[in-house]
Amino acid sequence: MTNKKNTTLDRLKHKYRLVILNDDTLEEKFSYRLSELNIYIGLSTLLVVLVALTVFIIVITPLKEYIPGYGDTSMRRHVFQVAESTDSLETVILKQQAYITNIQSLLAGEIGTM
């Protein structure tokens, strides 16, 4: 097993030369030595950078509003205001019900201490 592992590692470390030539003059424009390991590391780094950049752009810009389940900030503010007004209306209704109950008790002649 270690022999197979060593051959795979050796294969990944084997050097290749990437050469870019001018097609008309066959002049070498660019040359670079690389290995499969360098390519894997480079592509992995590029992938991580692209994912991080995408997440950064979504978090910073208003694009986050298009993500399902993520509400608009103005909508959140509106929901909070509606919840507040509902709570205050509920309080008013409870007070009115207590007042009506007291009035009904007085009219029925059931005077009691509260």
N, C-alpha and C. Protein backbone atom coordinates (compact mmCIF):
# COMPACT_ATOMS: atom_id res chain seq x y z
N MET A 1 0.82 -1.19 0.00
CA MET A 1 0.00 0.00 0.00
C MET A 1 0.87 1.26 0.00
N THR A 2 1.96 1.23 0.76
CA THR A 2 2.82 2.42 0.79
C THR A 2 3.50 2.61 -0.57
N ASN A 3 3.74 1.54 -1.29
CA ASN A 3 4.35 1.65 -2.61
C ASN A 3 3.41 2.36 -3.57
N LYS A 4 2.12 2.01 -3.52
CA LYS A 4 1.13 2.66 -4.38
C LYS A 4 0.98 4.13 -3.98
N LYS A 5 1.02 4.40 -2.68
CA LYS A 5 0.91 5.77 -2.19
C LYS A 5 2.09 6.60 -2.67
N ASN A 6 3.27 6.03 -2.63
CA ASN A 6 4.46 6.74 -3.08
C ASN A 6 4.41 7.01 -4.58
N THR A 7 3.91 6.06 -5.36
CA THR A 7 3.85 6.29 -6.81
C THR A 7 2.84 7.38 -7.14
N THR A 8 1.73 7.44 -6.43
CA THR A 8 0.75 8.50 -6.67
C THR A 8 1.33 9.85 -6.29
N LEU A 9 2.03 9.92 -5.19
CA LEU A 9 2.66 11.16 -4.77
C LEU A 9 3.75 11.56 -5.75
N ASP A 10 4.52 10.59 -6.22
CA ASP A 10 5.55 10.90 -7.22
C ASP A 10 4.93 11.40 -8.52
N ARG A 11 3.82 10.78 -8.91
CA ARG A 11 3.15 11.21 -10.14
C ARG A 11 2.65 12.64 -9.99
N LEU A 12 2.13 12.99 -8.82
CA LEU A 12 1.65 14.35 -8.59
C LEU A 12 2.79 15.37 -8.58
N LYS A 13 3.97 14.93 -8.20
CA LYS A 13 5.12 15.84 -8.13
C LYS A 13 5.91 15.91 -9.44
N HIS A 14 5.61 15.04 -10.39
CA HIS A 14 6.34 15.03 -11.65
C HIS A 14 6.15 16.36 -12.38
N LYS A 15 7.25 16.96 -12.84
CA LYS A 15 7.22 18.29 -13.44
C LYS A 15 6.89 18.23 -14.93
N TYR A 16 6.10 19.19 -15.37
CA TYR A 16 5.76 19.38 -16.77
C TYR A 16 6.08 20.82 -17.13
N ARG A 17 6.20 21.09 -18.42
CA ARG A 17 6.48 22.45 -18.87
C ARG A 17 5.33 22.91 -19.76
N LEU A 18 4.76 24.05 -19.38
CA LEU A 18 3.70 24.68 -20.16
C LEU A 18 4.37 25.77 -20.99
N VAL A 19 4.26 25.66 -22.33
CA VAL A 19 4.90 26.62 -23.22
C VAL A 19 3.84 27.21 -24.14
N ILE A 20 3.88 28.54 -24.27
CA ILE A 20 2.99 29.23 -25.20
C ILE A 20 3.86 29.81 -26.30
N LEU A 21 3.54 29.41 -27.54
CA LEU A 21 4.33 29.81 -28.70
C LEU A 21 3.52 30.69 -29.63
N ASN A 22 4.22 31.59 -30.32
CA ASN A 22 3.61 32.34 -31.40
C ASN A 22 3.46 31.38 -32.57
N ASP A 23 2.25 31.23 -33.10
CA ASP A 23 1.99 30.23 -34.13
C ASP A 23 2.71 30.54 -35.44
N ASP A 24 2.90 31.80 -35.77
CA ASP A 24 3.54 32.17 -37.03
C ASP A 24 5.05 32.03 -36.96
N THR A 25 5.67 32.52 -35.88
CA THR A 25 7.13 32.55 -35.80
C THR A 25 7.69 31.46 -34.91
N LEU A 26 6.86 30.73 -34.24
CA LEU A 26 7.26 29.71 -33.27
C LEU A 26 8.14 30.28 -32.16
N GLU A 27 7.98 31.55 -31.91
CA GLU A 27 8.71 32.20 -30.83
C GLU A 27 8.02 31.88 -29.51
N GLU A 28 8.84 31.54 -28.52
CA GLU A 28 8.30 31.20 -27.20
C GLU A 28 7.90 32.48 -26.48
N LYS A 29 6.61 32.58 -26.14
CA LYS A 29 6.10 33.77 -25.47
C LYS A 29 6.07 33.59 -23.96
N PHE A 30 5.80 32.37 -23.52
CA PHE A 30 5.65 32.12 -22.10
C PHE A 30 6.00 30.66 -21.83
N SER A 31 6.70 30.45 -20.72
CA SER A 31 7.06 29.09 -20.33
C SER A 31 6.98 28.99 -18.82
N TYR A 32 6.39 27.87 -18.35
CA TYR A 32 6.23 27.69 -16.91
C TYR A 32 6.32 26.22 -16.57
N ARG A 33 7.10 25.89 -15.53
CA ARG A 33 7.19 24.51 -15.05
C ARG A 33 6.16 24.32 -13.96
N LEU A 34 5.41 23.23 -14.08
CA LEU A 34 4.40 22.95 -13.08
C LEU A 34 4.21 21.45 -12.95
N SER A 35 3.51 21.07 -11.88
CA SER A 35 3.20 19.66 -11.65
C SER A 35 1.69 19.54 -11.42
N GLU A 36 1.21 18.31 -11.40
CA GLU A 36 -0.21 18.10 -11.15
C GLU A 36 -0.59 18.61 -9.76
N LEU A 37 0.32 18.47 -8.83
CA LEU A 37 0.07 18.96 -7.47
C LEU A 37 -0.12 20.48 -7.47
N ASN A 38 0.71 21.19 -8.25
CA ASN A 38 0.57 22.64 -8.36
C ASN A 38 -0.79 23.01 -8.96
N ILE A 39 -1.21 22.25 -9.95
CA ILE A 39 -2.50 22.52 -10.60
C ILE A 39 -3.64 22.30 -9.61
N TYR A 40 -3.60 21.20 -8.86
CA TYR A 40 -4.65 20.92 -7.87
C TYR A 40 -4.68 22.00 -6.79
N ILE A 41 -3.52 22.40 -6.32
CA ILE A 41 -3.47 23.45 -5.29
C ILE A 41 -3.97 24.78 -5.84
N GLY A 42 -3.57 25.11 -7.05
CA GLY A 42 -4.02 26.36 -7.68
C GLY A 42 -5.52 26.39 -7.91
N LEU A 43 -6.07 25.31 -8.45
CA LEU A 43 -7.51 25.25 -8.68
C LEU A 43 -8.30 25.26 -7.37
N SER A 44 -7.79 24.57 -6.35
CA SER A 44 -8.46 24.58 -5.05
C SER A 44 -8.45 25.98 -4.44
N THR A 45 -7.33 26.66 -4.55
CA THR A 45 -7.23 28.03 -4.03
C THR A 45 -8.18 28.95 -4.79
N LEU A 46 -8.23 28.81 -6.11
CA LEU A 46 -9.13 29.61 -6.92
C LEU A 46 -10.59 29.36 -6.54
N LEU A 47 -10.93 28.10 -6.31
CA LEU A 47 -12.30 27.76 -5.91
C LEU A 47 -12.66 28.38 -4.56
N VAL A 48 -11.76 28.29 -3.60
CA VAL A 48 -12.02 28.87 -2.27
C VAL A 48 -12.15 30.39 -2.38
N VAL A 49 -11.32 31.02 -3.17
CA VAL A 49 -11.39 32.48 -3.33
C VAL A 49 -12.70 32.88 -3.99
N LEU A 50 -13.13 32.14 -5.02
CA LEU A 50 -14.39 32.46 -5.69
C LEU A 50 -15.59 32.28 -4.76
N VAL A 51 -15.59 31.23 -3.97
CA VAL A 51 -16.68 31.02 -3.02
C VAL A 51 -16.69 32.14 -1.98
N ALA A 52 -15.53 32.48 -1.44
CA ALA A 52 -15.45 33.54 -0.44
C ALA A 52 -15.89 34.88 -1.04
N LEU A 53 -15.49 35.16 -2.27
CA LEU A 53 -15.89 36.40 -2.94
C LEU A 53 -17.40 36.43 -3.17
N THR A 54 -17.98 35.31 -3.58
CA THR A 54 -19.42 35.24 -3.79
C THR A 54 -20.18 35.47 -2.48
N VAL A 55 -19.75 34.83 -1.42
CA VAL A 55 -20.40 35.01 -0.12
C VAL A 55 -20.26 36.47 0.34
N PHE A 56 -19.08 37.04 0.16
CA PHE A 56 -18.84 38.44 0.54
C PHE A 56 -19.76 39.38 -0.22
N ILE A 57 -19.91 39.16 -1.53
CA ILE A 57 -20.78 40.02 -2.35
C ILE A 57 -22.23 39.88 -1.92
N ILE A 58 -22.67 38.66 -1.62
CA ILE A 58 -24.06 38.46 -1.21
C ILE A 58 -24.32 39.11 0.14
N VAL A 59 -23.37 39.03 1.06
CA VAL A 59 -23.57 39.59 2.40
C VAL A 59 -23.57 41.11 2.37
N ILE A 60 -22.72 41.71 1.56
CA ILE A 60 -22.56 43.17 1.54
C ILE A 60 -23.66 43.85 0.74
N THR A 61 -24.06 43.29 -0.38
CA THR A 61 -25.01 43.95 -1.28
C THR A 61 -26.45 43.54 -0.97
N PRO A 62 -27.41 44.20 -1.58
CA PRO A 62 -28.82 43.83 -1.38
C PRO A 62 -29.21 42.50 -2.02
N LEU A 63 -28.28 41.77 -2.59
CA LEU A 63 -28.60 40.47 -3.18
C LEU A 63 -29.11 39.48 -2.14
N LYS A 64 -28.77 39.72 -0.88
CA LYS A 64 -29.19 38.79 0.18
C LYS A 64 -30.70 38.75 0.32
N GLU A 65 -31.40 39.77 -0.17
CA GLU A 65 -32.85 39.79 -0.09
C GLU A 65 -33.48 38.76 -1.01
N TYR A 66 -32.75 38.29 -2.01
CA TYR A 66 -33.28 37.30 -2.94
C TYR A 66 -33.10 35.87 -2.44
N ILE A 67 -32.43 35.70 -1.32
CA ILE A 67 -32.25 34.38 -0.74
C ILE A 67 -33.55 34.00 -0.03
N PRO A 68 -34.11 32.83 -0.33
CA PRO A 68 -35.36 32.44 0.32
C PRO A 68 -35.19 32.36 1.84
N GLY A 69 -36.15 32.92 2.56
CA GLY A 69 -36.10 32.90 4.01
C GLY A 69 -35.41 34.11 4.61
N TYR A 70 -34.78 34.92 3.79
CA TYR A 70 -34.11 36.12 4.30
C TYR A 70 -34.98 37.31 3.96
N GLY A 71 -35.56 37.95 4.96
CA GLY A 71 -36.50 39.04 4.73
C GLY A 71 -35.81 40.37 4.48
N ASP A 72 -36.58 41.25 3.91
CA ASP A 72 -36.13 42.62 3.68
C ASP A 72 -36.10 43.36 5.02
N THR A 73 -35.16 44.27 5.20
CA THR A 73 -35.05 45.00 6.47
C THR A 73 -36.26 45.88 6.70
N SER A 74 -36.80 46.49 5.64
CA SER A 74 -37.99 47.32 5.81
C SER A 74 -39.19 46.45 6.16
N MET A 75 -39.24 45.24 5.64
CA MET A 75 -40.32 44.33 5.97
C MET A 75 -40.24 43.91 7.44
N ARG A 76 -39.03 43.67 7.92
CA ARG A 76 -38.85 43.33 9.34
C ARG A 76 -39.33 44.46 10.23
N ARG A 77 -38.98 45.69 9.86
CA ARG A 77 -39.39 46.86 10.63
C ARG A 77 -40.92 46.96 10.63
N HIS A 78 -41.54 46.73 9.48
CA HIS A 78 -42.99 46.80 9.37
C HIS A 78 -43.65 45.71 10.22
N VAL A 79 -43.11 44.51 10.21
CA VAL A 79 -43.65 43.41 11.02
C VAL A 79 -43.55 43.76 12.50
N PHE A 80 -42.45 44.35 12.92
CA PHE A 80 -42.30 44.76 14.32
C PHE A 80 -43.34 45.81 14.70
N GLN A 81 -43.57 46.78 13.81
CA GLN A 81 -44.57 47.82 14.09
C GLN A 81 -45.97 47.22 14.17
N VAL A 82 -46.29 46.28 13.30
CA VAL A 82 -47.60 45.64 13.33
C VAL A 82 -47.76 44.84 14.62
N ALA A 83 -46.71 44.15 15.05
CA ALA A 83 -46.77 43.39 16.30
C ALA A 83 -46.99 44.32 17.49
N GLU A 84 -46.31 45.47 17.48
CA GLU A 84 -46.49 46.45 18.56
C GLU A 84 -47.91 46.97 18.61
N SER A 85 -48.46 47.34 17.45
CA SER A 85 -49.82 47.88 17.43
C SER A 85 -50.83 46.81 17.81
N THR A 86 -50.60 45.56 17.42
CA THR A 86 -51.49 44.47 17.80
C THR A 86 -51.48 44.28 19.31
N ASP A 87 -50.31 44.36 19.90
CA ASP A 87 -50.20 44.22 21.35
C ASP A 87 -50.94 45.34 22.07
N SER A 88 -50.79 46.57 21.59
CA SER A 88 -51.47 47.68 22.24
C SER A 88 -52.98 47.59 22.04
N LEU A 89 -53.43 47.13 20.88
CA LEU A 89 -54.87 46.96 20.65
C LEU A 89 -55.44 45.86 21.55
N GLU A 90 -54.69 44.83 21.77
CA GLU A 90 -55.12 43.76 22.66
C GLU A 90 -55.28 44.30 24.09
N THR A 91 -54.35 45.12 24.52
CA THR A 91 -54.44 45.72 25.85
C THR A 91 -55.67 46.60 25.97
N VAL A 92 -55.96 47.40 24.95
CA VAL A 92 -57.13 48.28 24.96
C VAL A 92 -58.41 47.45 25.01
N ILE A 93 -58.49 46.38 24.24
CA ILE A 93 -59.68 45.52 24.23
C ILE A 93 -59.89 44.88 25.60
N LEU A 94 -58.84 44.41 26.24
CA LEU A 94 -58.97 43.81 27.57
C LEU A 94 -59.49 44.83 28.59
N LYS A 95 -58.99 46.06 28.50
CA LYS A 95 -59.46 47.11 29.42
C LYS A 95 -60.93 47.45 29.15
N GLN A 96 -61.32 47.49 27.88
CA GLN A 96 -62.72 47.77 27.54
C GLN A 96 -63.63 46.65 28.01
N GLN A 97 -63.18 45.41 27.88
CA GLN A 97 -63.99 44.28 28.35
C GLN A 97 -64.18 44.34 29.87
N ALA A 98 -63.12 44.69 30.59
CA ALA A 98 -63.23 44.82 32.05
C ALA A 98 -64.19 45.96 32.40
N TYR A 99 -64.13 47.06 31.67
CA TYR A 99 -65.03 48.20 31.91
C TYR A 99 -66.48 47.79 31.65
N ILE A 100 -66.74 47.11 30.55
CA ILE A 100 -68.11 46.67 30.22
C ILE A 100 -68.62 45.70 31.27
N THR A 101 -67.77 44.81 31.73
CA THR A 101 -68.17 43.86 32.78
C THR A 101 -68.54 44.60 34.05
N ASN A 102 -67.79 45.61 34.42
CA ASN A 102 -68.09 46.42 35.61
C ASN A 102 -69.41 47.17 35.45
N ILE A 103 -69.64 47.74 34.26
CA ILE A 103 -70.89 48.46 34.01
C ILE A 103 -72.08 47.49 34.09
N GLN A 104 -71.93 46.31 33.51
CA GLN A 104 -73.01 45.31 33.55
C GLN A 104 -73.30 44.89 35.00
N SER A 105 -72.28 44.75 35.80
CA SER A 105 -72.46 44.39 37.21
C SER A 105 -73.20 45.48 37.96
N LEU A 106 -72.85 46.74 37.69
CA LEU A 106 -73.53 47.86 38.34
C LEU A 106 -74.99 47.92 37.94
N LEU A 107 -75.27 47.72 36.65
CA LEU A 107 -76.64 47.79 36.17
C LEU A 107 -77.49 46.62 36.70
N ALA A 108 -76.86 45.49 36.92
CA ALA A 108 -77.57 44.34 37.43
C ALA A 108 -77.75 44.42 38.95
N GLY A 109 -77.13 45.37 39.56
CA GLY A 109 -77.26 45.55 41.00
C GLY A 109 -76.27 44.74 41.78
N GLU A 110 -75.30 44.22 41.16
CA GLU A 110 -74.27 43.44 41.85
C GLU A 110 -73.09 44.36 42.16
N ILE A 111 -73.24 45.12 43.19
CA ILE A 111 -72.18 46.04 43.55
C ILE A 111 -71.18 45.28 44.41
N GLY A 112 -69.97 45.22 43.94
CA GLY A 112 -68.94 44.50 44.67
C GLY A 112 -67.67 45.32 44.75
N THR A 113 -66.79 44.92 45.60
CA THR A 113 -65.51 45.60 45.70
C THR A 113 -64.52 44.95 44.76
N MET A 114 -63.73 45.75 44.17
CA MET A 114 -62.76 45.23 43.21
C MET A 114 -61.36 45.54 43.59
